[in-house]
Amino acid sequence: MTPLTRRQALLLATGACAGGWARANTAPPELQQALPGARLQGQGRLRFFGLHVYDIRLWTPAGFAPERWADTPLALEIEYARTLYGQQIAERSLEEMKRQGEIAPDTGSRWLAEMARLFPDVKQGDRITGVQQPGGGASFFVNGQRRGEQREADFARRFFGIWLAAQTSEPALRERLFGRQP
């Protein structure tokens, strides 16, 4: 067996050999137009009761300042490690959005219906990428294909705030996404 070169060992350690473009710090293809020049800010893994649920990556423009995340175009790419139902993803997302403050019942019902439309059932290896355009809402892609958008700025701020707001239920994951190791 031939020994690994330093580059091969680094790529293997970061996962680049195993998963392609995202692991190699190259933005997914859907971001080429939606967020030109995006670079990997940080990434992490969500586990629930020890089970690997998904890997998540934050893509940002150069000069990104974590304290101004809500005012910056950015993308979150989630790669699922297991089967989840779109309706459950939508329901959990709304619960997490409420951590940032009260949501009027009619607004919550409307947002839940829109997320159920935007988020399909997923299986291992599927990706959902959300792109935030401050003041312009959010666009969503599933496995690289445009799925739809939600144009309300408050929706986008709350949705991306699930992971990036100070009120997140996963503060260590937030730190990793911002490129800071907790």
C-alpha atoms as a PDB file:
ATOM      1  CA  MET A   1       0.000   0.000   0.000  1.00  0.00           C
ATOM      2  CA  THR A   2       1.367   3.436  -0.971  1.00  0.00           C
ATOM      3  CA  PRO A   3       1.577   6.009   1.842  1.00  0.00           C
ATOM      4  CA  LEU A   4      -0.752   9.008   1.589  1.00  0.00           C
ATOM      5  CA  THR A   5       0.620  12.347   0.505  1.00  0.00           C
ATOM      6  CA  ARG A   6       0.146  15.241   2.893  1.00  0.00           C
ATOM      7  CA  ARG A   7      -2.586  16.680   0.632  1.00  0.00           C
ATOM      8  CA  GLN A   8      -4.421  13.335   0.467  1.00  0.00           C
ATOM      9  CA  ALA A   9      -4.275  13.000   4.248  1.00  0.00           C
ATOM     10  CA  LEU A  10      -5.645  16.536   4.661  1.00  0.00           C
ATOM     11  CA  LEU A  11      -8.452  15.913   2.181  1.00  0.00           C
ATOM     12  CA  LEU A  12      -9.308  12.647   3.888  1.00  0.00           C
ATOM     13  CA  ALA A  13      -9.290  14.274   7.330  1.00  0.00           C
ATOM     14  CA  THR A  14     -11.641  17.041   6.181  1.00  0.00           C
ATOM     15  CA  GLY A  15     -13.907  14.626   4.334  1.00  0.00           C
ATOM     16  CA  ALA A  16     -13.194  16.063   0.876  1.00  0.00           C
ATOM     17  CA  CYS A  17     -12.428  12.683  -0.677  1.00  0.00           C
ATOM     18  CA  ALA A  18     -15.624  11.146   0.655  1.00  0.00           C
ATOM     19  CA  GLY A  19     -18.218  13.666  -0.398  1.00  0.00           C
ATOM     20  CA  GLY A  20     -17.161  15.826  -3.302  1.00  0.00           C
ATOM     21  CA  TRP A  21     -17.586  19.562  -3.736  1.00  0.00           C
ATOM     22  CA  ALA A  22     -19.057  20.623  -0.377  1.00  0.00           C
ATOM     23  CA  ARG A  23     -16.411  18.797   1.621  1.00  0.00           C
ATOM     24  CA  ALA A  24     -13.717  20.453  -0.499  1.00  0.00           C
ATOM     25  CA  ASN A  25     -14.884  23.954   0.570  1.00  0.00           C
ATOM     26  CA  THR A  26     -16.412  24.692  -2.820  1.00  0.00           C
ATOM     27  CA  ALA A  27     -19.918  26.137  -2.770  1.00  0.00           C
ATOM     28  CA  PRO A  28     -22.673  23.868  -4.059  1.00  0.00           C
ATOM     29  CA  PRO A  29     -23.677  24.509  -7.686  1.00  0.00           C
ATOM     30  CA  GLU A  30     -26.990  26.167  -6.787  1.00  0.00           C
ATOM     31  CA  LEU A  31     -25.085  28.979  -5.053  1.00  0.00           C
ATOM     32  CA  GLN A  32     -23.108  29.960  -8.159  1.00  0.00           C
ATOM     33  CA  GLN A  33     -25.975  32.312  -9.164  1.00  0.00           C
ATOM     34  CA  ALA A  34     -27.864  32.664  -5.886  1.00  0.00           C
ATOM     35  CA  LEU A  35     -24.799  33.711  -3.844  1.00  0.00           C
ATOM     36  CA  PRO A  36     -21.820  34.317  -6.155  1.00  0.00           C
ATOM     37  CA  GLY A  37     -18.433  34.170  -4.461  1.00  0.00           C
ATOM     38  CA  ALA A  38     -19.785  32.251  -1.459  1.00  0.00           C
ATOM     39  CA  ARG A  39     -17.187  30.677   0.783  1.00  0.00           C
ATOM     40  CA  LEU A  40     -17.494  28.163   3.582  1.00  0.00           C
ATOM     41  CA  GLN A  41     -17.709  30.046   6.882  1.00  0.00           C
ATOM     42  CA  GLY A  42     -18.220  27.023   9.132  1.00  0.00           C
ATOM     43  CA  GLN A  43     -19.910  23.661   9.463  1.00  0.00           C
ATOM     44  CA  GLY A  44     -21.217  21.265  12.051  1.00  0.00           C
ATOM     45  CA  ARG A  45     -23.208  18.155  12.757  1.00  0.00           C
ATOM     46  CA  LEU A  46     -26.550  17.922  14.556  1.00  0.00           C
ATOM     47  CA  ARG A  47     -27.080  14.878  16.726  1.00  0.00           C
ATOM     48  CA  PHE A  48     -30.268  14.123  18.620  1.00  0.00           C
ATOM     49  CA  PHE A  49     -29.980  11.572  21.434  1.00  0.00           C
ATOM     50  CA  GLY A  50     -26.710  10.493  19.820  1.00  0.00           C
ATOM     51  CA  LEU A  51     -28.251   9.937  16.374  1.00  0.00           C
ATOM     52  CA  HIS A  52     -26.696  11.773  13.428  1.00  0.00           C
ATOM     53  CA  VAL A  53     -29.530  13.891  11.977  1.00  0.00           C
ATOM     54  CA  TYR A  54     -27.732  16.176   9.522  1.00  0.00           C
ATOM     55  CA  ASP A  55     -24.583  18.058   8.626  1.00  0.00           C
ATOM     56  CA  ILE A  56     -24.940  21.790   8.083  1.00  0.00           C
ATOM     57  CA  ARG A  57     -22.695  24.318   6.335  1.00  0.00           C
ATOM     58  CA  LEU A  58     -22.837  28.124   6.365  1.00  0.00           C
ATOM     59  CA  TRP A  59     -21.840  29.825   3.105  1.00  0.00           C
ATOM     60  CA  THR A  60     -21.105  33.566   3.242  1.00  0.00           C
ATOM     61  CA  PRO A  61     -19.560  36.370   1.192  1.00  0.00           C
ATOM     62  CA  ALA A  62     -16.017  37.520   1.975  1.00  0.00           C
ATOM     63  CA  GLY A  63     -15.840  39.826   4.976  1.00  0.00           C
ATOM     64  CA  PHE A  64     -18.742  38.138   6.794  1.00  0.00           C
ATOM     65  CA  ALA A  65     -19.278  39.427  10.345  1.00  0.00           C
ATOM     66  CA  PRO A  66     -21.175  36.939  12.573  1.00  0.00           C
ATOM     67  CA  GLU A  67     -22.776  39.706  14.647  1.00  0.00           C
ATOM     68  CA  ARG A  68     -24.409  41.027  11.441  1.00  0.00           C
ATOM     69  CA  TRP A  69     -25.616  37.676  10.065  1.00  0.00           C
ATOM     70  CA  ALA A  70     -29.223  38.899   9.708  1.00  0.00           C
ATOM     71  CA  ASP A  71     -28.115  41.755   7.429  1.00  0.00           C
ATOM     72  CA  THR A  72     -25.922  39.647   5.149  1.00  0.00           C
ATOM     73  CA  PRO A  73     -26.740  37.480   2.132  1.00  0.00           C
ATOM     74  CA  LEU A  74     -25.856  33.918   3.143  1.00  0.00           C
ATOM     75  CA  ALA A  75     -26.812  30.295   2.663  1.00  0.00           C
ATOM     76  CA  LEU A  76     -27.284  27.323   4.939  1.00  0.00           C
ATOM     77  CA  GLU A  77     -26.863  23.912   3.340  1.00  0.00           C
ATOM     78  CA  ILE A  78     -28.235  20.929   5.239  1.00  0.00           C
ATOM     79  CA  GLU A  79     -27.274  17.405   4.193  1.00  0.00           C
ATOM     80  CA  TYR A  80     -29.520  14.848   5.862  1.00  0.00           C
ATOM     81  CA  ALA A  81     -28.221  11.632   7.388  1.00  0.00           C
ATOM     82  CA  ARG A  82     -31.606   9.963   7.791  1.00  0.00           C
ATOM     83  CA  THR A  83     -35.174   9.940   6.529  1.00  0.00           C
ATOM     84  CA  LEU A  84     -37.333  12.804   7.783  1.00  0.00           C
ATOM     85  CA  TYR A  85     -40.799  13.902   6.692  1.00  0.00           C
ATOM     86  CA  GLY A  86     -41.203  17.387   5.252  1.00  0.00           C
ATOM     87  CA  GLN A  87     -44.167  18.157   7.502  1.00  0.00           C
ATOM     88  CA  GLN A  88     -42.077  17.276  10.572  1.00  0.00           C
ATOM     89  CA  ILE A  89     -39.208  19.460   9.328  1.00  0.00           C
ATOM     90  CA  ALA A  90     -41.676  22.338   8.914  1.00  0.00           C
ATOM     91  CA  GLU A  91     -43.234  21.822  12.362  1.00  0.00           C
ATOM     92  CA  ARG A  92     -39.864  21.647  14.107  1.00  0.00           C
ATOM     93  CA  SER A  93     -38.665  24.705  12.190  1.00  0.00           C
ATOM     94  CA  LEU A  94     -41.658  26.725  13.394  1.00  0.00           C
ATOM     95  CA  GLU A  95     -41.033  25.622  17.007  1.00  0.00           C
ATOM     96  CA  GLU A  96     -37.417  26.755  16.733  1.00  0.00           C
ATOM     97  CA  MET A  97     -38.416  30.056  15.093  1.00  0.00           C
ATOM     98  CA  LYS A  98     -40.628  30.801  18.114  1.00  0.00           C
ATOM     99  CA  ARG A  99     -37.549  30.702  20.383  1.00  0.00           C
ATOM    100  CA  GLN A 100     -36.691  34.135  18.964  1.00  0.00           C
ATOM    101  CA  GLY A 101     -39.981  35.683  20.050  1.00  0.00           C
ATOM    102  CA  GLU A 102     -43.713  35.315  19.786  1.00  0.00           C
ATOM    103  CA  ILE A 103     -45.256  34.672  16.377  1.00  0.00           C
ATOM    104  CA  ALA A 104     -48.894  35.607  15.814  1.00  0.00           C
ATOM    105  CA  PRO A 105     -51.044  32.465  15.372  1.00  0.00           C
ATOM    106  CA  ASP A 106     -52.196  33.391  11.849  1.00  0.00           C
ATOM    107  CA  THR A 107     -48.611  34.148  10.786  1.00  0.00           C
ATOM    108  CA  GLY A 108     -47.395  30.870  12.304  1.00  0.00           C
ATOM    109  CA  SER A 109     -50.107  28.901  10.475  1.00  0.00           C
ATOM    110  CA  ARG A 110     -49.235  30.555   7.168  1.00  0.00           C
ATOM    111  CA  TRP A 111     -45.486  30.013   7.642  1.00  0.00           C
ATOM    112  CA  LEU A 112     -46.061  26.375   8.594  1.00  0.00           C
ATOM    113  CA  ALA A 113     -48.089  25.768   5.417  1.00  0.00           C
ATOM    114  CA  GLU A 114     -45.425  27.468   3.286  1.00  0.00           C
ATOM    115  CA  MET A 115     -42.599  25.451   4.856  1.00  0.00           C
ATOM    116  CA  ALA A 116     -44.571  22.217   4.384  1.00  0.00           C
ATOM    117  CA  ARG A 117     -44.790  23.138   0.679  1.00  0.00           C
ATOM    118  CA  LEU A 118     -41.089  24.012   0.459  1.00  0.00           C
ATOM    119  CA  PHE A 119     -39.627  21.098   2.450  1.00  0.00           C
ATOM    120  CA  PRO A 120     -40.102  17.629   0.951  1.00  0.00           C
ATOM    121  CA  ASP A 121     -39.573  14.317   2.686  1.00  0.00           C
ATOM    122  CA  VAL A 122     -35.821  13.679   2.742  1.00  0.00           C
ATOM    123  CA  LYS A 123     -33.591  10.637   2.975  1.00  0.00           C
ATOM    124  CA  GLN A 124     -29.921  10.100   3.679  1.00  0.00           C
ATOM    125  CA  GLY A 125     -27.798  12.212   1.331  1.00  0.00           C
ATOM    126  CA  ASP A 126     -30.557  14.684   0.375  1.00  0.00           C
ATOM    127  CA  ARG A 127     -29.707  18.373   0.686  1.00  0.00           C
ATOM    128  CA  ILE A 128     -31.854  21.411   1.371  1.00  0.00           C
ATOM    129  CA  THR A 129     -30.119  24.743   0.831  1.00  0.00           C
ATOM    130  CA  GLY A 130     -31.704  27.982   2.008  1.00  0.00           C
ATOM    131  CA  VAL A 131     -30.466  31.344   0.743  1.00  0.00           C
ATOM    132  CA  GLN A 132     -31.143  34.510   2.738  1.00  0.00           C
ATOM    133  CA  GLN A 133     -31.412  37.831   0.927  1.00  0.00           C
ATOM    134  CA  PRO A 134     -31.875  40.434   3.680  1.00  0.00           C
ATOM    135  CA  GLY A 135     -35.032  42.413   3.077  1.00  0.00           C
ATOM    136  CA  GLY A 136     -35.951  40.001   0.285  1.00  0.00           C
ATOM    137  CA  GLY A 137     -36.822  36.778   2.074  1.00  0.00           C
ATOM    138  CA  ALA A 138     -35.429  33.316   1.404  1.00  0.00           C
ATOM    139  CA  SER A 139     -35.053  30.917  -1.514  1.00  0.00           C
ATOM    140  CA  PHE A 140     -34.842  27.147  -1.111  1.00  0.00           C
ATOM    141  CA  PHE A 141     -33.178  24.436  -3.199  1.00  0.00           C
ATOM    142  CA  VAL A 142     -33.548  20.671  -2.830  1.00  0.00           C
ATOM    143  CA  ASN A 143     -30.656  18.608  -4.161  1.00  0.00           C
ATOM    144  CA  GLY A 144     -29.585  21.608  -6.225  1.00  0.00           C
ATOM    145  CA  GLN A 145     -32.990  22.271  -7.808  1.00  0.00           C
ATOM    146  CA  ARG A 146     -34.895  25.447  -6.999  1.00  0.00           C
ATOM    147  CA  ARG A 147     -37.925  24.554  -4.858  1.00  0.00           C
ATOM    148  CA  GLY A 148     -39.423  27.964  -4.147  1.00  0.00           C
ATOM    149  CA  GLU A 149     -39.187  31.043  -2.009  1.00  0.00           C
ATOM    150  CA  GLN A 150     -40.750  32.878   0.879  1.00  0.00           C
ATOM    151  CA  ARG A 151     -40.454  36.652   0.433  1.00  0.00           C
ATOM    152  CA  GLU A 152     -41.033  37.927   3.968  1.00  0.00           C
ATOM    153  CA  ALA A 153     -37.957  39.418   5.630  1.00  0.00           C
ATOM    154  CA  ASP A 154     -39.198  38.435   9.114  1.00  0.00           C
ATOM    155  CA  PHE A 155     -39.651  34.833   8.003  1.00  0.00           C
ATOM    156  CA  ALA A 156     -36.097  34.734   6.616  1.00  0.00           C
ATOM    157  CA  ARG A 157     -34.591  36.297   9.752  1.00  0.00           C
ATOM    158  CA  ARG A 158     -36.427  33.839  12.005  1.00  0.00           C
ATOM    159  CA  PHE A 159     -35.745  30.812   9.809  1.00  0.00           C
ATOM    160  CA  PHE A 160     -31.983  31.380   9.558  1.00  0.00           C
ATOM    161  CA  GLY A 161     -32.046  32.414  13.207  1.00  0.00           C
ATOM    162  CA  ILE A 162     -32.885  28.792  14.073  1.00  0.00           C
ATOM    163  CA  TRP A 163     -29.139  28.211  13.750  1.00  0.00           C
ATOM    164  CA  LEU A 164     -27.606  31.695  13.792  1.00  0.00           C
ATOM    165  CA  ALA A 165     -29.540  33.739  16.388  1.00  0.00           C
ATOM    166  CA  ALA A 166     -28.359  34.013  19.969  1.00  0.00           C
ATOM    167  CA  GLN A 167     -31.585  32.220  21.027  1.00  0.00           C
ATOM    168  CA  THR A 168     -30.720  29.031  19.116  1.00  0.00           C
ATOM    169  CA  SER A 169     -31.274  25.723  20.887  1.00  0.00           C
ATOM    170  CA  GLU A 170     -27.826  24.614  19.611  1.00  0.00           C
ATOM    171  CA  PRO A 171     -25.280  27.262  20.714  1.00  0.00           C
ATOM    172  CA  ALA A 172     -22.233  25.022  20.115  1.00  0.00           C
ATOM    173  CA  LEU A 173     -23.424  24.346  16.550  1.00  0.00           C
ATOM    174  CA  ARG A 174     -23.898  28.102  16.062  1.00  0.00           C
ATOM    175  CA  GLU A 175     -20.291  28.697  17.073  1.00  0.00           C
ATOM    176  CA  ARG A 176     -19.057  26.062  14.616  1.00  0.00           C
ATOM    177  CA  LEU A 177     -21.131  27.612  11.814  1.00  0.00           C
ATOM    178  CA  PHE A 178     -19.561  30.979  12.547  1.00  0.00           C
ATOM    179  CA  GLY A 179     -16.156  29.320  12.224  1.00  0.00           C
ATOM    180  CA  ARG A 180     -15.422  29.409  15.937  1.00  0.00           C
ATOM    181  CA  GLN A 181     -14.800  26.156  17.758  1.00  0.00           C
ATOM    182  CA  PRO A 182     -16.792  26.015  21.013  1.00  0.00           C
END
